[in-house]
Protein backbone atom coordinates (compact mmCIF):
# COMPACT_ATOMS: atom_id res chain seq x y z
CA UNK A 1 22.52 11.14 -149.67
CA UNK A 2 20.96 11.09 -153.12
CA UNK A 3 23.34 11.80 -155.99
CA UNK A 4 21.28 13.68 -158.56
CA UNK A 5 23.99 13.47 -161.24
CA UNK A 6 24.82 9.79 -160.75
CA UNK A 7 23.44 8.79 -164.16
CA UNK A 8 24.74 11.80 -166.09
CA UNK A 9 28.28 11.94 -164.69
CA UNK A 10 29.50 8.89 -166.70
CA UNK A 11 28.38 10.30 -170.07
CA UNK A 12 31.64 12.23 -170.69
CA UNK A 13 33.55 8.95 -170.26
CA UNK A 14 31.48 7.47 -173.08
CA UNK A 15 32.08 10.60 -175.17
CA UNK A 16 35.86 10.35 -174.76
CA UNK A 17 35.83 6.70 -175.78
CA UNK A 18 33.72 7.56 -178.83
CA UNK A 19 36.40 9.94 -180.09
CA UNK A 20 39.16 7.35 -179.78
CA UNK A 21 37.85 4.91 -182.36
CA UNK A 22 35.32 5.35 -185.17
CA UNK A 23 34.60 1.65 -185.71
CA UNK A 24 30.92 0.79 -185.99
CA UNK A 25 31.24 -1.99 -183.39
CA UNK A 26 32.73 0.38 -180.81
CA UNK A 27 30.05 2.99 -181.50
CA UNK A 28 27.36 0.32 -181.06
CA UNK A 29 28.67 -0.64 -177.62
CA UNK A 30 29.10 2.96 -176.51
CA UNK A 31 25.62 3.87 -177.75
CA UNK A 32 24.03 1.08 -175.74
CA UNK A 33 25.84 2.21 -172.59
CA UNK A 34 24.71 5.80 -173.15
CA UNK A 35 21.13 4.67 -173.71
CA UNK A 36 21.14 2.40 -170.65
CA UNK A 37 21.97 5.36 -168.42
CA UNK A 38 19.33 7.53 -170.12
CA UNK A 39 16.70 4.77 -169.89
CA UNK A 40 17.07 4.45 -166.14
CA UNK A 41 16.83 8.22 -165.75
CA UNK A 42 13.89 8.97 -168.05
CA UNK A 43 11.85 6.08 -166.64
CA UNK A 44 12.28 7.55 -163.15
CA UNK A 45 14.27 4.66 -161.68
CA UNK A 46 17.06 6.64 -160.06
CA UNK A 47 16.15 5.67 -156.49
CA UNK A 48 15.67 2.06 -157.46
CA UNK A 49 19.08 2.08 -159.17
CA UNK A 50 20.73 3.57 -156.11
CA UNK A 51 19.19 0.82 -153.97
CA UNK A 52 20.48 -1.77 -156.45
CA UNK A 53 24.00 -0.36 -156.26
CA UNK A 54 23.86 -0.37 -152.48
CA UNK A 55 22.81 -4.00 -152.23
CA UNK A 56 25.49 -6.63 -151.58
CA UNK A 57 26.64 -7.77 -154.99
CA UNK A 58 24.42 -6.56 -157.86
CA UNK A 59 22.48 -9.49 -159.27
CA UNK A 60 23.48 -11.87 -162.00
CA UNK A 61 22.18 -10.87 -165.45
CA UNK A 62 18.99 -12.65 -166.46
CA UNK A 63 17.77 -13.69 -169.86
CA UNK A 64 14.21 -13.23 -171.01
CA UNK A 65 12.54 -15.30 -173.70
CA UNK A 66 12.25 -13.33 -176.93
CA UNK A 67 14.90 -10.83 -175.83
CA UNK A 68 18.03 -12.89 -176.37
CA UNK A 69 19.69 -10.49 -178.80
CA UNK A 70 19.33 -7.49 -176.50
CA UNK A 71 20.64 -9.56 -173.59
CA UNK A 72 23.67 -10.47 -175.71
CA UNK A 73 24.23 -6.81 -176.60
CA UNK A 74 24.12 -5.87 -172.92
CA UNK A 75 26.59 -8.65 -172.08
CA UNK A 76 28.94 -7.55 -174.90
CA UNK A 77 28.80 -3.96 -173.69
CA UNK A 78 29.45 -5.10 -170.12
CA UNK A 79 32.51 -7.01 -171.30
CA UNK A 80 33.86 -3.94 -173.09
CA UNK A 81 33.47 -1.68 -170.08
CA UNK A 82 34.84 -4.32 -167.69
CA UNK A 83 38.05 -4.38 -169.72
CA UNK A 84 38.08 -0.59 -169.84
CA UNK A 85 37.59 -0.35 -166.05
CA UNK A 86 40.48 -2.75 -165.43
CA UNK A 87 42.83 -0.91 -167.82
CA UNK A 88 45.50 0.94 -165.75
CA UNK A 89 45.03 4.00 -167.97
CA UNK A 90 41.40 4.23 -166.83
CA UNK A 91 42.17 4.72 -163.14
CA UNK A 92 40.71 8.26 -163.00
CA UNK A 93 37.47 7.12 -164.61
CA UNK A 94 37.15 3.81 -162.77
CA UNK A 95 34.31 4.88 -160.47
CA UNK A 96 32.32 6.33 -163.37
CA UNK A 97 32.86 3.22 -165.48
CA UNK A 98 31.53 1.16 -162.56
CA UNK A 99 28.30 3.19 -162.69
CA UNK A 100 27.97 2.24 -166.37
CA UNK A 101 28.54 -1.42 -165.54
CA UNK A 102 25.98 -1.25 -162.75
CA UNK A 103 23.46 0.33 -165.12
CA UNK A 104 23.87 -2.51 -167.62
CA UNK A 105 23.55 -5.10 -164.86
CA UNK A 106 20.55 -3.32 -163.37
CA UNK A 107 18.60 -3.63 -166.62
CA UNK A 108 19.55 -7.29 -166.96
CA UNK A 109 19.03 -8.24 -163.33
CA UNK A 110 15.59 -6.62 -163.22
CA UNK A 111 14.65 -8.32 -166.51
CA UNK A 112 13.80 -5.05 -168.24
CA UNK A 113 14.73 -6.22 -171.73
CA UNK A 114 11.26 -5.51 -173.11
CA UNK A 115 11.01 -2.03 -171.59
CA UNK A 116 14.55 -1.13 -172.62
CA UNK A 117 13.92 -2.45 -176.13
CA UNK A 118 10.80 -0.25 -176.43
CA UNK A 119 12.80 2.74 -175.26
CA UNK A 120 15.51 2.08 -177.83
CA UNK A 121 12.92 1.71 -180.59
CA UNK A 122 11.25 4.98 -179.60
CA UNK A 123 14.44 7.01 -179.43
CA UNK A 124 16.01 5.51 -182.54
CA UNK A 125 12.85 6.44 -184.46
CA UNK A 126 13.18 10.05 -183.27
CA UNK A 127 10.00 10.00 -181.19
CA UNK A 128 8.90 12.75 -178.81
CA UNK A 129 10.27 12.83 -175.23
CA UNK A 130 9.65 9.49 -173.54
CA UNK A 131 6.77 9.21 -171.08
CA UNK A 132 5.93 6.50 -168.54
CA UNK A 133 2.18 7.11 -168.24
CA UNK A 134 -0.70 9.23 -169.58
CA UNK A 135 -3.78 10.57 -167.79
CA UNK A 136 -6.83 12.67 -168.58
CA UNK A 137 -6.73 14.78 -165.41
CA UNK A 138 -4.27 15.92 -162.76
CA UNK A 139 -6.34 14.04 -160.16
CA UNK A 140 -5.89 10.75 -161.99
CA UNK A 141 -2.14 11.30 -162.19
CA UNK A 142 -1.86 12.15 -158.50
CA UNK A 143 -3.95 9.11 -157.50
CA UNK A 144 -1.72 6.83 -159.58
CA UNK A 145 1.46 8.25 -158.06
CA UNK A 146 0.17 8.08 -154.51
CA UNK A 147 -0.59 4.36 -154.74
CA UNK A 148 2.89 3.45 -156.01
CA UNK A 149 5.30 2.08 -153.37
CA UNK A 150 8.16 3.92 -155.12
CA UNK A 151 6.96 6.74 -157.43
CA UNK A 152 9.20 7.52 -160.40
CA UNK A 153 11.52 10.51 -160.15
CA UNK A 154 12.75 12.56 -163.12
CA UNK A 155 10.27 10.90 -165.49
CA UNK A 156 7.78 12.53 -167.87
CA UNK A 157 4.06 11.83 -167.83
CA UNK A 158 1.21 13.21 -169.94
CA UNK A 159 -1.80 14.92 -168.37
CA UNK A 160 -4.41 15.90 -170.98
CA UNK A 161 -1.62 15.58 -173.58
CA UNK A 162 0.52 18.09 -171.71
CA UNK A 163 4.00 17.08 -170.52
CA UNK A 164 4.72 17.15 -166.80
CA UNK A 165 7.83 16.18 -164.86
CA UNK A 166 7.45 13.83 -161.92
CA UNK A 167 9.57 15.20 -159.09
CA UNK A 168 9.67 12.86 -156.10
CA UNK A 169 11.68 13.49 -152.94
CA UNK A 170 12.18 10.10 -151.29
CA UNK A 171 13.12 11.66 -147.95
CA UNK A 172 10.09 13.92 -147.57
CA UNK A 173 7.78 11.81 -149.79
CA UNK A 174 6.66 15.02 -151.52
CA UNK A 175 5.61 14.63 -155.16
CA UNK A 176 5.32 17.56 -157.56
CA UNK A 177 4.17 17.63 -161.17
CA UNK A 178 5.54 20.81 -162.76
CA UNK A 179 4.72 21.61 -166.37
CA UNK A 180 7.48 20.58 -168.78
CA UNK A 181 8.45 22.34 -172.02
CA UNK A 182 10.22 19.27 -173.38
CA UNK A 183 7.64 18.76 -176.13
CA UNK A 184 7.84 22.34 -177.36
CA UNK A 185 11.62 22.02 -177.69
CA UNK A 186 11.21 18.69 -179.49
CA UNK A 187 8.76 20.14 -182.03
CA UNK A 188 11.07 23.06 -182.80
CA UNK A 189 14.04 20.73 -183.31
CA UNK A 190 11.96 18.31 -185.38
CA UNK A 191 10.75 21.08 -187.67
CA UNK A 192 14.36 22.10 -188.33
CA UNK A 193 15.63 18.54 -188.84
CA UNK A 194 12.60 17.07 -190.63
CA UNK A 195 10.65 19.86 -192.40
CA UNK A 196 6.91 19.09 -192.34
CA UNK A 197 5.49 16.94 -195.12
CA UNK A 198 2.10 15.44 -194.29
CA UNK A 199 1.52 11.71 -194.72
CA UNK A 200 -2.23 12.37 -194.44
CA UNK A 201 -4.53 15.42 -194.44
CA UNK A 202 -7.79 15.99 -192.57
CA UNK A 203 -10.44 18.65 -192.39
CA UNK A 204 -10.90 18.42 -188.62
CA UNK A 205 -9.19 17.24 -185.47
CA UNK A 206 -11.91 14.61 -184.98
CA UNK A 207 -11.12 13.05 -188.37
CA UNK A 208 -7.42 12.94 -187.54
CA UNK A 209 -8.07 11.37 -184.13
CA UNK A 210 -10.25 8.67 -185.73
CA UNK A 211 -7.55 7.94 -188.31
CA UNK A 212 -4.80 7.70 -185.70
CA UNK A 213 -6.87 5.43 -183.46
CA UNK A 214 -7.60 3.14 -186.40
CA UNK A 215 -3.93 2.43 -187.12
CA UNK A 216 -2.98 -1.06 -185.97
CA UNK A 217 0.71 -0.25 -185.64
CA UNK A 218 1.31 3.49 -186.01
CA UNK A 219 4.68 5.03 -186.71
CA UNK A 220 6.41 6.47 -183.65
CA UNK A 221 5.78 9.88 -185.18
CA UNK A 222 4.54 11.33 -188.47
CA UNK A 223 3.57 14.72 -189.85
CA UNK A 224 -0.11 15.16 -190.65
CA UNK A 225 -2.13 18.18 -191.78
CA UNK A 226 -5.35 19.21 -190.00
CA UNK A 227 -7.28 22.17 -191.44
CA UNK A 228 -4.07 23.30 -193.17
CA UNK A 229 -2.02 23.19 -189.95
CA UNK A 230 0.79 20.74 -189.37
CA UNK A 231 0.60 18.32 -186.43
CA UNK A 232 2.80 15.50 -185.19
CA UNK A 233 0.91 12.23 -184.80
CA UNK A 234 2.75 10.43 -181.99
CA UNK A 235 2.57 6.88 -180.72
CA UNK A 236 4.03 5.84 -177.36
CA UNK A 237 4.35 2.10 -177.79
CA UNK A 238 5.36 1.47 -174.19
CA UNK A 239 1.98 2.70 -172.89
CA UNK A 240 -0.07 2.15 -176.09
CA UNK A 241 -1.00 5.83 -176.24
CA UNK A 242 -1.58 8.05 -179.30
CA UNK A 243 -1.59 11.84 -179.43
CA UNK A 244 -1.67 14.75 -181.87
CA UNK A 245 0.48 17.81 -181.24
CA UNK A 246 0.15 21.02 -183.29
CA UNK A 247 3.44 22.40 -184.56
CA UNK A 248 2.27 25.79 -183.32
CA UNK A 249 2.97 24.54 -179.78
CA UNK A 250 6.65 25.17 -180.41
CA UNK A 251 5.85 28.87 -180.77
CA UNK A 252 2.74 29.54 -178.69
CA UNK A 253 2.53 26.73 -176.13
CA UNK A 254 -0.97 25.68 -177.21
CA UNK A 255 -1.91 22.03 -176.72
CA UNK A 256 -4.32 19.86 -178.67
CA UNK A 257 -6.27 17.55 -176.38
CA UNK A 258 -6.92 14.44 -178.47
CA UNK A 259 -7.61 11.94 -175.69
């Protein structure tokens, strides 16, 4: 039976360890473990992870050219949690710590260093909620999902610049794409944490779109002004997609379709 909280249940273990020691090295290891669990969840790999855990002996970590440092960080974090799991004082948390270890090994064994690195870069930059794909129409999104041997579950996708959750039941093979309010919440929190200050101003949406498309390596997010209204210019590096979101979305739910 599917465990829908498998990836979230270990987070309190990480939180308790965080409070025990304030050293930067310990925080770095704990942060990577937290992010590994979140990465698997937000990229919709819960079923794949469950299959990995159920296979005889999770695979040996792999190394990918150009990703050596991240592989080393994963190995260091695995070493820390292996010691923690084997500590007699950790007996009550042992099963949850094993989930963390399996998550680290899953990323390594499936050679997802590049994808995980992009996720870390996006989240550390304070980007909008992570998405795994973007489409112009609902039909395009449904066609893409239907041709996948294992559709993502609990991942976000964009349809006409609007956030949707991918909900996939592996037993019934039913896929739903409900509207998500994750972006609206993000914009409200961003406005409070980083009050708007435009890096560029434009008279029309078309001008702003042209500017954003012309950037060779855009920032993950930036405030811009369009016709005296603040927007977030967002770049999803993992899918090479750019979008403009009006701050008013956080209050009214309106969406700017930038393509």
